[in-house]
């Protein structure tokens, strides 16, 4: 398997930026990893906060333990300001992952060509 394919697969399935670390491009790998993991942490924190809010309402008795009542609360869109930041984080997450895979393949192809 050539360097380009290995680097792209590492970036796609292990961690964005992992292929850059494999190719010894540490600065780019660090940037991609930080952006991706930062966006993922933000999105997970938002999901956990929503889940905790709903569970507190269930525990306090404000909501019945009924899926037909809970499901709409889970699936409703967040408030406007929260939705904006969540969308930005989702775009950053997706774009950094995609850019990481494509750029790792591109850099690996350059290394393969040089060898």
N, C-alpha and C. Protein backbone atom coordinates (compact mmCIF):
# COMPACT_ATOMS: atom_id res chain seq x y z
N UNK A 1 0.86 -1.17 0.00
CA UNK A 1 0.00 0.00 0.00
C UNK A 1 0.91 1.24 0.00
N UNK A 2 0.57 2.20 -0.84
CA UNK A 2 1.42 3.38 -0.94
C UNK A 2 1.14 4.38 0.20
N UNK A 3 2.02 5.37 0.32
CA UNK A 3 1.93 6.35 1.40
C UNK A 3 0.64 7.17 1.34
N UNK A 4 0.22 7.52 0.12
CA UNK A 4 -0.98 8.34 -0.04
C UNK A 4 -2.21 7.62 0.51
N UNK A 5 -2.36 6.36 0.18
CA UNK A 5 -3.51 5.61 0.64
C UNK A 5 -3.47 5.41 2.15
N UNK A 6 -2.30 5.08 2.69
CA UNK A 6 -2.18 4.90 4.13
C UNK A 6 -2.53 6.19 4.88
N UNK A 7 -1.98 7.31 4.41
CA UNK A 7 -2.23 8.58 5.08
C UNK A 7 -3.71 8.96 5.02
N UNK A 8 -4.34 8.75 3.88
CA UNK A 8 -5.76 9.08 3.74
C UNK A 8 -6.62 8.18 4.64
N UNK A 9 -6.30 6.91 4.70
CA UNK A 9 -7.07 5.99 5.54
C UNK A 9 -6.90 6.31 7.02
N UNK A 10 -5.70 6.67 7.42
CA UNK A 10 -5.47 7.04 8.82
C UNK A 10 -6.28 8.30 9.16
N UNK A 11 -6.27 9.27 8.25
CA UNK A 11 -7.04 10.50 8.50
C UNK A 11 -8.54 10.24 8.49
N UNK A 12 -8.98 9.32 7.66
CA UNK A 12 -10.41 9.07 7.54
C UNK A 12 -10.95 8.24 8.71
N UNK A 13 -10.20 7.24 9.15
CA UNK A 13 -10.75 6.28 10.11
C UNK A 13 -10.16 6.35 11.51
N UNK A 14 -9.01 6.96 11.68
CA UNK A 14 -8.42 7.05 13.02
C UNK A 14 -8.72 8.42 13.62
N UNK A 15 -8.15 9.46 13.01
CA UNK A 15 -8.36 10.83 13.49
C UNK A 15 -7.94 11.79 12.39
N UNK A 16 -8.71 12.82 12.13
CA UNK A 16 -8.27 13.81 11.16
C UNK A 16 -6.94 14.41 11.62
N UNK A 17 -6.01 14.47 10.73
CA UNK A 17 -4.67 14.93 11.09
C UNK A 17 -3.74 13.76 11.33
N UNK A 18 -4.28 12.58 11.56
CA UNK A 18 -3.44 11.41 11.79
C UNK A 18 -2.57 11.06 10.59
N UNK A 19 -3.11 11.22 9.41
CA UNK A 19 -2.33 10.98 8.19
C UNK A 19 -1.20 11.98 8.06
N UNK A 20 -1.42 13.20 8.51
CA UNK A 20 -0.36 14.20 8.47
C UNK A 20 0.75 13.85 9.46
N UNK A 21 0.38 13.34 10.63
CA UNK A 21 1.40 12.88 11.57
C UNK A 21 2.19 11.73 10.97
N UNK A 22 1.52 10.83 10.28
CA UNK A 22 2.18 9.70 9.61
C UNK A 22 3.19 10.21 8.58
N UNK A 23 2.84 11.30 7.90
CA UNK A 23 3.72 11.88 6.88
C UNK A 23 4.69 12.90 7.46
N UNK A 24 4.73 13.01 8.79
CA UNK A 24 5.61 13.92 9.51
C UNK A 24 5.32 15.39 9.21
N UNK A 25 4.05 15.72 9.01
CA UNK A 25 3.58 17.10 8.87
C UNK A 25 2.84 17.46 10.15
N UNK A 26 3.62 17.69 11.20
CA UNK A 26 3.06 17.81 12.54
C UNK A 26 2.20 19.06 12.75
N UNK A 27 2.59 20.19 12.17
CA UNK A 27 1.82 21.41 12.37
C UNK A 27 0.42 21.29 11.76
N UNK A 28 0.37 20.81 10.53
CA UNK A 28 -0.93 20.65 9.86
C UNK A 28 -1.77 19.59 10.57
N UNK A 29 -1.14 18.50 10.97
CA UNK A 29 -1.85 17.46 11.69
C UNK A 29 -2.42 17.95 13.00
N UNK A 30 -1.65 18.76 13.72
CA UNK A 30 -2.12 19.31 14.98
C UNK A 30 -3.29 20.25 14.75
N UNK A 31 -3.20 21.11 13.75
CA UNK A 31 -4.28 22.05 13.46
C UNK A 31 -5.57 21.31 13.12
N UNK A 32 -5.49 20.32 12.24
CA UNK A 32 -6.69 19.57 11.86
C UNK A 32 -7.27 18.81 13.05
N UNK A 33 -6.41 18.23 13.86
CA UNK A 33 -6.89 17.48 15.03
C UNK A 33 -7.56 18.39 16.04
N UNK A 34 -6.97 19.55 16.28
CA UNK A 34 -7.52 20.47 17.27
C UNK A 34 -8.88 21.01 16.81
N UNK A 35 -8.98 21.38 15.53
CA UNK A 35 -10.25 21.91 15.01
C UNK A 35 -11.33 20.83 15.09
N UNK A 36 -11.01 19.64 14.63
CA UNK A 36 -11.99 18.56 14.63
C UNK A 36 -12.41 18.17 16.04
N UNK A 37 -11.46 17.97 16.90
CA UNK A 37 -11.79 17.55 18.27
C UNK A 37 -12.46 18.67 19.05
N UNK A 38 -12.08 19.92 18.80
CA UNK A 38 -12.75 21.04 19.45
C UNK A 38 -14.21 21.13 19.06
N UNK A 39 -14.48 20.99 17.76
CA UNK A 39 -15.87 21.01 17.29
C UNK A 39 -16.66 19.83 17.84
N UNK A 40 -16.03 18.67 17.88
CA UNK A 40 -16.70 17.48 18.42
C UNK A 40 -17.02 17.65 19.90
N UNK A 41 -16.10 18.20 20.64
CA UNK A 41 -16.33 18.43 22.07
C UNK A 41 -17.49 19.41 22.27
N UNK A 42 -17.53 20.48 21.48
CA UNK A 42 -18.63 21.44 21.59
C UNK A 42 -19.96 20.76 21.30
N UNK A 43 -20.04 19.99 20.22
CA UNK A 43 -21.29 19.32 19.85
C UNK A 43 -21.72 18.31 20.91
N UNK A 44 -20.77 17.57 21.46
CA UNK A 44 -21.10 16.61 22.51
C UNK A 44 -21.57 17.32 23.79
N UNK A 45 -20.94 18.44 24.12
CA UNK A 45 -21.38 19.20 25.30
C UNK A 45 -22.80 19.70 25.13
N UNK A 46 -23.16 20.15 23.93
CA UNK A 46 -24.52 20.60 23.68
C UNK A 46 -25.52 19.45 23.82
N UNK A 47 -25.15 18.28 23.29
CA UNK A 47 -26.04 17.12 23.39
C UNK A 47 -26.20 16.67 24.84
N UNK A 48 -25.12 16.68 25.59
CA UNK A 48 -25.18 16.28 27.00
C UNK A 48 -26.00 17.27 27.81
N UNK A 49 -25.84 18.57 27.53
CA UNK A 49 -26.61 19.59 28.25
C UNK A 49 -28.11 19.41 27.99
N UNK A 50 -28.47 19.14 26.74
CA UNK A 50 -29.88 18.93 26.41
C UNK A 50 -30.41 17.67 27.11
N UNK A 51 -29.63 16.61 27.10
CA UNK A 51 -30.06 15.37 27.75
C UNK A 51 -30.21 15.56 29.26
N UNK A 52 -29.29 16.29 29.86
CA UNK A 52 -29.39 16.54 31.30
C UNK A 52 -30.60 17.41 31.64
N UNK A 53 -30.89 18.38 30.80
CA UNK A 53 -32.05 19.24 31.03
C UNK A 53 -33.34 18.41 30.98
N UNK A 54 -33.46 17.56 29.98
CA UNK A 54 -34.66 16.72 29.85
C UNK A 54 -34.74 15.73 31.01
N UNK A 55 -33.62 15.14 31.38
CA UNK A 55 -33.66 14.17 32.48
C UNK A 55 -34.00 14.85 33.81
N UNK A 56 -33.55 16.07 34.01
CA UNK A 56 -33.92 16.80 35.24
C UNK A 56 -35.42 17.09 35.27
N UNK A 57 -35.99 17.40 34.10
CA UNK A 57 -37.43 17.64 34.05
C UNK A 57 -38.20 16.35 34.35
N UNK A 58 -37.69 15.23 33.91
CA UNK A 58 -38.34 13.95 34.20
C UNK A 58 -38.24 13.62 35.69
N UNK A 59 -37.05 13.82 36.25
CA UNK A 59 -36.83 13.50 37.67
C UNK A 59 -37.68 14.41 38.57
N UNK A 60 -37.80 15.68 38.20
CA UNK A 60 -38.57 16.61 39.03
C UNK A 60 -40.08 16.43 38.87
N UNK A 61 -40.50 15.65 37.89
CA UNK A 61 -41.92 15.40 37.70
C UNK A 61 -42.59 16.34 36.73
N UNK A 62 -41.84 17.25 36.12
CA UNK A 62 -42.42 18.17 35.14
C UNK A 62 -42.80 17.45 33.85
N UNK A 63 -42.09 16.40 33.53
CA UNK A 63 -42.37 15.60 32.33
C UNK A 63 -42.68 14.17 32.74
N UNK A 64 -43.66 13.56 32.11
CA UNK A 64 -43.90 12.14 32.38
C UNK A 64 -42.86 11.29 31.65
N UNK A 65 -42.65 10.12 32.16
CA UNK A 65 -41.72 9.19 31.53
C UNK A 65 -42.44 8.49 30.38
N UNK A 66 -42.65 9.24 29.30
CA UNK A 66 -43.41 8.77 28.16
C UNK A 66 -42.67 9.19 26.89
N UNK A 67 -42.38 8.23 26.05
CA UNK A 67 -41.60 8.49 24.84
C UNK A 67 -42.30 9.50 23.92
N UNK A 68 -43.60 9.46 23.86
CA UNK A 68 -44.33 10.39 22.98
C UNK A 68 -44.20 11.84 23.46
N UNK A 69 -43.86 12.06 24.72
CA UNK A 69 -43.65 13.40 25.25
C UNK A 69 -42.17 13.78 25.15
N UNK A 70 -41.29 12.83 25.39
CA UNK A 70 -39.85 13.11 25.42
C UNK A 70 -39.27 13.26 24.01
N UNK A 71 -39.72 12.46 23.09
CA UNK A 71 -39.14 12.47 21.73
C UNK A 71 -39.21 13.85 21.07
N UNK A 72 -40.34 14.55 21.12
CA UNK A 72 -40.36 15.90 20.50
C UNK A 72 -39.37 16.87 21.16
N UNK A 73 -39.13 16.72 22.46
CA UNK A 73 -38.16 17.58 23.13
C UNK A 73 -36.73 17.30 22.67
N UNK A 74 -36.46 16.04 22.42
CA UNK A 74 -35.13 15.65 21.95
C UNK A 74 -34.89 16.15 20.53
N UNK A 75 -35.90 16.06 19.69
CA UNK A 75 -35.72 16.37 18.27
C UNK A 75 -35.99 17.82 17.90
N UNK A 76 -36.49 18.61 18.82
CA UNK A 76 -36.75 20.01 18.48
C UNK A 76 -35.43 20.75 18.26
N UNK A 77 -35.42 21.69 17.33
CA UNK A 77 -34.18 22.44 17.07
C UNK A 77 -33.82 23.32 18.26
N UNK A 78 -32.54 23.58 18.45
CA UNK A 78 -32.13 24.44 19.57
C UNK A 78 -32.50 25.89 19.32
N UNK A 79 -32.30 26.71 20.32
CA UNK A 79 -32.57 28.15 20.20
C UNK A 79 -31.67 28.75 19.11
N UNK A 80 -32.04 29.92 18.61
CA UNK A 80 -31.37 30.52 17.45
C UNK A 80 -29.87 30.71 17.66
N UNK A 81 -29.47 31.24 18.81
CA UNK A 81 -28.04 31.46 19.02
C UNK A 81 -27.28 30.14 19.17
N UNK A 82 -27.89 29.18 19.85
CA UNK A 82 -27.29 27.87 19.99
C UNK A 82 -27.22 27.15 18.64
N UNK A 83 -28.23 27.31 17.83
CA UNK A 83 -28.26 26.66 16.52
C UNK A 83 -27.15 27.19 15.64
N UNK A 84 -26.89 28.48 15.70
CA UNK A 84 -25.82 29.08 14.90
C UNK A 84 -24.48 28.47 15.26
N UNK A 85 -24.17 28.43 16.55
CA UNK A 85 -22.88 27.87 16.99
C UNK A 85 -22.79 26.38 16.72
N UNK A 86 -23.89 25.68 16.87
CA UNK A 86 -23.88 24.24 16.56
C UNK A 86 -23.65 24.01 15.08
N UNK A 87 -24.25 24.83 14.23
CA UNK A 87 -24.03 24.71 12.79
C UNK A 87 -22.59 25.03 12.42
N UNK A 88 -22.03 26.05 13.03
CA UNK A 88 -20.63 26.39 12.78
C UNK A 88 -19.72 25.24 13.20
N UNK A 89 -19.99 24.67 14.37
CA UNK A 89 -19.17 23.55 14.85
C UNK A 89 -19.32 22.34 13.93
N UNK A 90 -20.53 22.08 13.45
CA UNK A 90 -20.75 20.95 12.55
C UNK A 90 -20.02 21.15 11.22
N UNK A 91 -20.07 22.35 10.68
CA UNK A 91 -19.36 22.64 9.43
C UNK A 91 -17.85 22.54 9.65
N UNK A 92 -17.34 23.06 10.76
CA UNK A 92 -15.91 22.97 11.05
C UNK A 92 -15.48 21.52 11.19
N UNK A 93 -16.27 20.72 11.88
CA UNK A 93 -15.97 19.31 12.07
C UNK A 93 -15.91 18.58 10.73
N UNK A 94 -16.94 18.76 9.92
CA UNK A 94 -17.02 18.07 8.63
C UNK A 94 -15.93 18.55 7.67
N UNK A 95 -15.74 19.85 7.60
CA UNK A 95 -14.75 20.40 6.67
C UNK A 95 -13.33 19.98 7.06
N UNK A 96 -13.00 20.02 8.33
CA UNK A 96 -11.65 19.64 8.74
C UNK A 96 -11.40 18.16 8.51
N UNK A 97 -12.42 17.34 8.70
CA UNK A 97 -12.27 15.91 8.44
C UNK A 97 -12.04 15.67 6.94
N UNK A 98 -12.87 16.29 6.11
CA UNK A 98 -12.74 16.12 4.67
C UNK A 98 -11.40 16.67 4.16
N UNK A 99 -11.06 17.87 4.60
CA UNK A 99 -9.80 18.48 4.17
C UNK A 99 -8.62 17.64 4.63
N UNK A 100 -8.71 17.09 5.83
CA UNK A 100 -7.63 16.24 6.34
C UNK A 100 -7.40 15.00 5.48
N UNK A 101 -8.48 14.37 5.06
CA UNK A 101 -8.34 13.16 4.22
C UNK A 101 -7.77 13.52 2.85
N UNK A 102 -8.32 14.55 2.23
CA UNK A 102 -7.88 14.93 0.89
C UNK A 102 -6.43 15.42 0.91
N UNK A 103 -6.09 16.25 1.90
CA UNK A 103 -4.73 16.79 1.96
C UNK A 103 -3.73 15.70 2.32
N UNK A 104 -4.10 14.77 3.18
CA UNK A 104 -3.20 13.66 3.51
C UNK A 104 -2.92 12.82 2.26
N UNK A 105 -3.95 12.59 1.47
CA UNK A 105 -3.74 11.83 0.23
C UNK A 105 -2.84 12.61 -0.72
N UNK A 106 -3.09 13.91 -0.84
CA UNK A 106 -2.28 14.75 -1.73
C UNK A 106 -0.82 14.75 -1.31
N UNK A 107 -0.56 14.95 -0.02
CA UNK A 107 0.82 14.96 0.48
C UNK A 107 1.46 13.58 0.35
N UNK A 108 0.69 12.53 0.57
CA UNK A 108 1.22 11.17 0.41
C UNK A 108 1.57 10.88 -1.04
N UNK A 109 0.78 11.40 -1.97
CA UNK A 109 1.07 11.21 -3.39
C UNK A 109 2.38 11.91 -3.76
N UNK A 110 2.62 13.06 -3.17
CA UNK A 110 3.89 13.76 -3.42
C UNK A 110 5.06 12.95 -2.90
N UNK A 111 4.89 12.37 -1.71
CA UNK A 111 5.95 11.52 -1.14
C UNK A 111 6.16 10.28 -2.00
N UNK A 112 5.08 9.66 -2.46
CA UNK A 112 5.18 8.49 -3.31
C UNK A 112 5.89 8.81 -4.62
N UNK A 113 5.60 9.96 -5.17
CA UNK A 113 6.21 10.37 -6.44
C UNK A 113 7.71 10.61 -6.25
N UNK A 114 8.08 11.17 -5.09
CA UNK A 114 9.49 11.46 -4.81
C UNK A 114 10.29 10.18 -4.64
N UNK A 115 9.66 9.14 -4.18
CA UNK A 115 10.37 7.86 -3.96
C UNK A 115 10.46 7.15 -5.23
